[in-house]
């Protein structure tokens, strides 16, 4: 996104422009600013991004959701529950595998569905797999709202058996992300950043498109990086919590697609440009949910 100046006779006019690709062509959307540049163009940038989002993605997202809700209405409860169990297994496998778990998908499925514990695997990987599925399903069925207390409770439940020294605690030390140019905030910043996030979410919950909101909840929280470990797993649960509450199909980020996922996150974080990750997320979301097969067992309360 950039500000362009255009001369017409003796006068200069300013435009806020954003390029995008559509049908193999580079196109442009713009907003007229006037004969001078406003001091604060931040809100105008947000409005232009929203306009571009609406133009590019909203029709496909609306169609996906309509198909999804139609499928739900046709399914008996037992089938909806089975579909959710299948999704939870895949989501647990991929989310943990991204973070270094050694369990294969088959081992994960046997453990979660049939109760068969894999041999020759670290006990911590087994415990964190069981905990992830439990926290994820409990979050969908019982969590009334997304709050700091909610995040702390999820983190505690995820890691109390394997990392009790950091489970459920905001970090008070600096951290680095292996292989990334992004350096998470210093611990002294975390209280302010988390308060700012939840203030933002109260407004965004009512005003942003649910899929864009889910992407930004994940991006903003994982960028704040409030925990010493497990930030990705907690924030991906938060991402799907948003979609579930808003009655949209959920999303799984496959381990096999982790390179693009990491790249989009890092580029957004380093450039301080949220649109990079949001656009990656939206494309991935539509690719995965073109048939709207991800289901949920019941409709929850729509609240922040």
Protein backbone atom coordinates (compact mmCIF):
# COMPACT_ATOMS: atom_id res chain seq x y z
CA UNK A 1 0.00 0.00 0.00
CA UNK A 2 1.36 3.42 -0.93
CA UNK A 3 0.42 7.07 -1.30
CA UNK A 4 0.58 8.35 -4.86
CA UNK A 5 0.72 11.99 -5.95
CA UNK A 6 -0.82 12.97 -9.29
CA UNK A 7 -0.41 16.36 -10.94
CA UNK A 8 -3.29 17.92 -12.80
CA UNK A 9 -2.43 21.33 -14.04
CA UNK A 10 -1.18 23.38 -11.14
CA UNK A 11 -2.61 21.13 -8.45
CA UNK A 12 -1.48 17.86 -6.85
CA UNK A 13 -3.96 15.22 -5.75
CA UNK A 14 -3.15 12.34 -3.41
CA UNK A 15 -4.42 8.77 -3.48
CA UNK A 16 -3.96 5.78 -1.21
CA UNK A 17 -3.45 2.77 -3.48
CA UNK A 18 -3.17 -0.98 -3.01
CA UNK A 19 -2.17 -3.40 -5.78
CA UNK A 20 -3.49 -6.94 -5.97
CA UNK A 21 -3.54 -9.81 -8.44
CA UNK A 22 -6.77 -11.06 -10.01
CA UNK A 23 -7.17 -13.49 -12.92
CA UNK A 24 -3.44 -13.34 -13.57
CA UNK A 25 -3.39 -9.55 -13.80
CA UNK A 26 -2.16 -6.90 -11.40
CA UNK A 27 -5.01 -4.59 -10.51
CA UNK A 28 -5.35 -1.64 -8.16
CA UNK A 29 -7.85 -0.33 -5.66
CA UNK A 30 -7.53 3.24 -4.41
CA UNK A 31 -8.99 5.90 -2.14
CA UNK A 32 -8.82 9.62 -2.85
CA UNK A 33 -7.16 11.56 0.01
CA UNK A 34 -7.49 15.12 -1.22
CA UNK A 35 -5.04 17.87 -2.10
CA UNK A 36 -2.96 17.12 0.99
CA UNK A 37 -2.08 13.95 2.90
CA UNK A 38 -3.99 13.55 6.20
CA UNK A 39 -1.81 13.37 9.32
CA UNK A 40 -3.19 9.96 10.28
CA UNK A 41 -3.80 7.64 7.35
CA UNK A 42 -4.04 4.54 9.56
CA UNK A 43 -7.86 4.36 9.59
CA UNK A 44 -7.92 5.01 5.84
CA UNK A 45 -5.53 2.11 5.26
CA UNK A 46 -7.77 -0.17 7.32
CA UNK A 47 -10.82 0.93 5.33
CA UNK A 48 -9.04 0.33 2.02
CA UNK A 49 -7.90 -3.14 3.09
CA UNK A 50 -11.45 -3.95 4.15
CA UNK A 51 -12.73 -2.82 0.75
CA UNK A 52 -10.16 -5.00 -1.00
CA UNK A 53 -10.99 -7.95 1.24
CA UNK A 54 -14.71 -7.56 0.45
CA UNK A 55 -14.00 -7.39 -3.26
CA UNK A 56 -11.73 -10.41 -3.39
CA UNK A 57 -12.84 -12.88 -0.74
CA UNK A 58 -16.29 -12.23 0.74
CA UNK A 59 -18.38 -13.83 -2.04
CA UNK A 60 -16.42 -17.09 -1.88
CA UNK A 61 -16.44 -17.11 1.93
CA UNK A 62 -20.19 -16.54 2.02
CA UNK A 63 -20.74 -19.43 -0.39
CA UNK A 64 -18.49 -21.69 1.68
CA UNK A 65 -20.36 -20.86 4.88
CA UNK A 66 -23.75 -21.36 3.26
CA UNK A 67 -22.72 -24.82 2.06
CA UNK A 68 -21.27 -25.63 5.48
CA UNK A 69 -24.42 -24.68 7.37
CA UNK A 70 -26.54 -26.57 4.87
CA UNK A 71 -24.45 -29.70 5.45
CA UNK A 72 -24.83 -29.31 9.22
CA UNK A 73 -28.61 -29.16 8.99
CA UNK A 74 -28.68 -32.46 7.10
CA UNK A 75 -26.39 -34.37 9.47
CA UNK A 76 -27.61 -36.36 12.47
CA UNK A 77 -25.88 -35.38 15.71
CA UNK A 78 -23.92 -38.64 15.79
CA UNK A 79 -22.41 -37.86 12.38
CA UNK A 80 -21.61 -34.27 13.37
CA UNK A 81 -19.82 -35.53 16.46
CA UNK A 82 -17.88 -38.05 14.37
CA UNK A 83 -16.86 -35.35 11.90
CA UNK A 84 -15.64 -33.16 14.74
CA UNK A 85 -13.64 -36.06 16.20
CA UNK A 86 -12.01 -36.61 12.81
CA UNK A 87 -11.15 -32.93 12.50
CA UNK A 88 -9.82 -32.78 16.08
CA UNK A 89 -7.51 -35.71 15.37
CA UNK A 90 -6.06 -34.12 12.25
CA UNK A 91 -5.83 -30.68 13.87
CA UNK A 92 -4.08 -32.12 16.94
CA UNK A 93 -1.62 -34.06 14.81
CA UNK A 94 -0.70 -31.10 12.60
CA UNK A 95 -0.56 -28.50 15.35
CA UNK A 96 1.70 -30.66 17.52
CA UNK A 97 3.78 -31.91 14.59
CA UNK A 98 4.50 -28.32 13.54
CA UNK A 99 5.95 -27.81 17.03
CA UNK A 100 8.17 -30.89 16.89
CA UNK A 101 6.05 -33.85 18.01
CA UNK A 102 7.41 -37.20 16.79
CA UNK A 103 4.02 -38.95 16.50
CA UNK A 104 2.86 -39.89 13.01
CA UNK A 105 -0.72 -39.25 11.95
CA UNK A 106 -1.54 -42.96 12.29
CA UNK A 107 -0.06 -43.06 15.79
CA UNK A 108 -2.02 -39.93 16.70
CA UNK A 109 -5.27 -41.44 15.41
CA UNK A 110 -4.71 -44.75 17.21
CA UNK A 111 -3.96 -42.89 20.44
CA UNK A 112 -6.89 -40.48 20.29
CA UNK A 113 -9.54 -42.70 18.73
CA UNK A 114 -8.61 -46.21 19.92
CA UNK A 115 -6.56 -45.47 23.04
CA UNK A 116 -3.49 -47.29 21.70
CA UNK A 117 -0.31 -45.71 23.03
CA UNK A 118 2.58 -45.74 20.52
CA UNK A 119 5.80 -47.47 21.51
CA UNK A 120 9.26 -45.94 21.27
CA UNK A 121 7.92 -42.38 21.35
CA UNK A 122 8.69 -39.77 24.03
CA UNK A 123 6.13 -39.79 26.81
CA UNK A 124 5.91 -36.01 26.56
CA UNK A 125 4.72 -36.24 22.93
CA UNK A 126 2.00 -38.68 23.95
CA UNK A 127 0.88 -36.52 26.89
CA UNK A 128 0.80 -33.34 24.82
CA UNK A 129 -1.22 -35.07 22.09
CA UNK A 130 -3.84 -36.22 24.59
CA UNK A 131 -3.89 -32.80 26.24
CA UNK A 132 -4.27 -30.93 22.96
CA UNK A 133 -7.32 -32.87 21.85
CA UNK A 134 -8.90 -32.47 25.28
CA UNK A 135 -8.25 -28.72 25.46
CA UNK A 136 -9.44 -28.15 21.90
CA UNK A 137 -12.76 -29.97 22.33
CA UNK A 138 -13.32 -28.44 25.77
CA UNK A 139 -12.68 -24.98 24.31
CA UNK A 140 -15.35 -25.49 21.67
CA UNK A 141 -17.94 -26.94 24.03
CA UNK A 142 -17.42 -25.02 27.26
CA UNK A 143 -15.42 -21.80 26.83
CA UNK A 144 -17.75 -18.80 27.16
CA UNK A 145 -15.35 -16.17 25.79
CA UNK A 146 -11.79 -15.54 24.71
CA UNK A 147 -9.94 -13.79 27.52
CA UNK A 148 -6.51 -13.78 29.12
CA UNK A 149 -7.82 -16.17 31.77
CA UNK A 150 -8.96 -18.49 28.96
CA UNK A 151 -5.53 -18.48 27.31
CA UNK A 152 -3.80 -19.16 30.62
CA UNK A 153 -6.17 -22.04 31.38
CA UNK A 154 -5.60 -23.60 27.95
CA UNK A 155 -1.84 -23.28 28.30
CA UNK A 156 -1.88 -24.79 31.78
CA UNK A 157 -3.94 -27.77 30.63
CA UNK A 158 -1.74 -28.30 27.56
CA UNK A 159 1.58 -28.35 29.44
CA UNK A 160 1.00 -29.09 33.11
CA UNK A 161 2.19 -32.69 32.65
CA UNK A 162 5.22 -31.96 30.45
CA UNK A 163 6.36 -28.39 31.20
CA UNK A 164 5.03 -27.56 34.69
CA UNK A 165 7.63 -24.81 35.19
CA UNK A 166 6.04 -22.66 32.45
CA UNK A 167 2.50 -24.04 32.13
CA UNK A 168 -0.15 -21.36 32.49
CA UNK A 169 2.39 -18.57 33.08
CA UNK A 170 3.17 -15.40 31.14
CA UNK A 171 6.91 -15.38 30.45
CA UNK A 172 9.17 -12.97 32.35
CA UNK A 173 12.20 -13.51 30.12
CA UNK A 174 13.16 -12.84 26.52
CA UNK A 175 12.79 -15.49 23.83
CA UNK A 176 13.91 -16.03 20.25
CA UNK A 177 12.31 -18.06 17.48
CA UNK A 178 14.69 -20.50 15.82
CA UNK A 179 15.21 -19.71 12.15
CA UNK A 180 13.19 -16.49 12.21
CA UNK A 181 14.28 -12.87 11.81
CA UNK A 182 11.42 -11.78 14.07
CA UNK A 183 12.26 -11.14 17.72
CA UNK A 184 9.23 -11.36 20.07
CA UNK A 185 8.49 -8.46 22.44
CA UNK A 186 10.43 -8.03 25.67
CA UNK A 187 8.68 -9.32 28.81
CA UNK A 188 8.18 -5.79 30.13
CA UNK A 189 5.88 -5.12 27.13
CA UNK A 190 3.61 -8.13 27.53
CA UNK A 191 1.02 -6.76 29.99
CA UNK A 192 0.40 -3.71 27.81
CA UNK A 193 0.34 -5.71 24.56
CA UNK A 194 -2.10 -8.28 25.93
CA UNK A 195 -4.42 -5.57 27.28
CA UNK A 196 -4.23 -3.81 23.92
CA UNK A 197 -5.04 -7.08 22.13
CA UNK A 198 -8.17 -7.76 24.17
CA UNK A 199 -9.30 -4.13 23.79
CA UNK A 200 -8.86 -4.52 20.05
CA UNK A 201 -10.73 -7.82 20.00
CA UNK A 202 -13.81 -6.38 21.71
CA UNK A 203 -14.21 -4.01 18.78
CA UNK A 204 -12.98 -6.37 16.08
CA UNK A 205 -15.36 -9.15 17.20
CA UNK A 206 -18.31 -7.01 16.16
CA UNK A 207 -16.84 -5.40 13.05
CA UNK A 208 -14.42 -7.72 11.25
CA UNK A 209 -15.35 -10.59 8.98
CA UNK A 210 -15.05 -13.77 11.08
CA UNK A 211 -12.41 -15.41 8.88
CA UNK A 212 -10.23 -12.29 8.83
CA UNK A 213 -10.79 -12.02 12.59
CA UNK A 214 -9.60 -15.60 13.12
CA UNK A 215 -6.46 -14.91 11.08
CA UNK A 216 -5.69 -11.72 13.01
CA UNK A 217 -6.34 -13.31 16.41
CA UNK A 218 -3.75 -15.96 15.57
CA UNK A 219 -1.26 -13.50 14.09
CA UNK A 220 -1.52 -10.91 16.85
CA UNK A 221 -1.30 -13.42 19.69
CA UNK A 222 1.57 -15.42 18.26
CA UNK A 223 3.40 -12.13 17.59
CA UNK A 224 2.95 -11.05 21.22
CA UNK A 225 4.33 -14.50 22.11
CA UNK A 226 3.14 -14.41 25.73
CA UNK A 227 4.39 -17.87 26.74
CA UNK A 228 7.82 -19.41 26.99
CA UNK A 229 6.65 -22.29 24.78
CA UNK A 230 3.42 -23.43 23.17
CA UNK A 231 2.36 -20.10 21.65
CA UNK A 232 1.55 -21.65 18.28
CA UNK A 233 -0.68 -24.35 19.73
CA UNK A 234 -2.59 -21.97 21.98
CA UNK A 235 -3.14 -19.39 19.26
CA UNK A 236 -4.23 -21.95 16.68
CA UNK A 237 -6.87 -23.16 19.15
CA UNK A 238 -7.92 -19.51 19.60
CA UNK A 239 -8.12 -19.16 15.81
CA UNK A 240 -10.56 -22.06 15.52
CA UNK A 241 -12.46 -20.94 18.61
CA UNK A 242 -13.31 -17.73 16.73
CA UNK A 243 -14.50 -19.61 13.65
CA UNK A 244 -16.55 -22.03 15.74
CA UNK A 245 -18.29 -19.30 17.69
CA UNK A 246 -19.03 -17.39 14.49
CA UNK A 247 -20.44 -20.53 12.85
CA UNK A 248 -17.84 -20.81 10.12
CA UNK A 249 -16.01 -24.00 9.14
CA UNK A 250 -12.72 -24.39 11.00
CA UNK A 251 -9.27 -24.67 9.48
CA UNK A 252 -6.31 -26.99 9.91
CA UNK A 253 -2.82 -25.83 8.96
CA UNK A 254 -1.08 -29.00 7.75
CA UNK A 255 2.42 -29.87 8.83
CA UNK A 256 3.26 -30.37 5.15
CA UNK A 257 2.36 -26.72 4.47
CA UNK A 258 4.38 -25.34 7.35
CA UNK A 259 6.98 -23.59 5.16
CA UNK A 260 4.41 -21.24 3.60
CA UNK A 261 2.76 -20.76 6.97
CA UNK A 262 6.05 -19.80 8.66
CA UNK A 263 6.96 -17.52 5.78
CA UNK A 264 3.65 -15.64 5.85
CA UNK A 265 3.86 -15.20 9.63
CA UNK A 266 7.43 -13.97 9.56
CA UNK A 267 6.86 -11.55 6.69
CA UNK A 268 3.88 -10.01 8.48
CA UNK A 269 5.84 -9.74 11.72
CA UNK A 270 9.05 -8.32 10.25
CA UNK A 271 7.31 -5.93 7.84
CA UNK A 272 4.61 -5.05 10.42
CA UNK A 273 2.06 -5.70 7.69
CA UNK A 274 -0.83 -7.90 8.78
CA UNK A 275 -2.22 -8.21 5.26
CA UNK A 276 0.55 -10.64 4.23
CA UNK A 277 -0.60 -13.31 6.68
CA UNK A 278 -4.30 -12.52 6.34
CA UNK A 279 -4.18 -13.00 2.57
CA UNK A 280 -2.23 -16.26 2.95
CA UNK A 281 -4.74 -17.42 5.53
CA UNK A 282 -7.77 -16.55 3.40
CA UNK A 283 -6.43 -18.39 0.38
CA UNK A 284 -5.57 -21.43 2.47
CA UNK A 285 -8.98 -21.28 4.18
CA UNK A 286 -10.90 -21.21 0.90
CA UNK A 287 -8.72 -23.97 -0.55
CA UNK A 288 -9.45 -26.21 2.43
CA UNK A 289 -13.12 -25.34 2.86
CA UNK A 290 -14.25 -25.26 -0.75
CA UNK A 291 -16.57 -28.12 0.14
CA UNK A 292 -17.19 -26.88 3.70
CA UNK A 293 -16.69 -30.32 5.24
CA UNK A 294 -15.34 -29.21 8.64
CA UNK A 295 -18.12 -29.55 11.14
CA UNK A 296 -19.02 -28.83 14.73
CA UNK A 297 -21.28 -30.69 17.17
CA UNK A 298 -23.57 -27.82 18.03
CA UNK A 299 -24.02 -24.09 17.64
CA UNK A 300 -22.44 -22.13 20.47
CA UNK A 301 -23.21 -18.67 21.81
CA UNK A 302 -21.99 -15.91 19.55
CA UNK A 303 -20.00 -13.71 21.92
CA UNK A 304 -16.53 -12.25 22.30
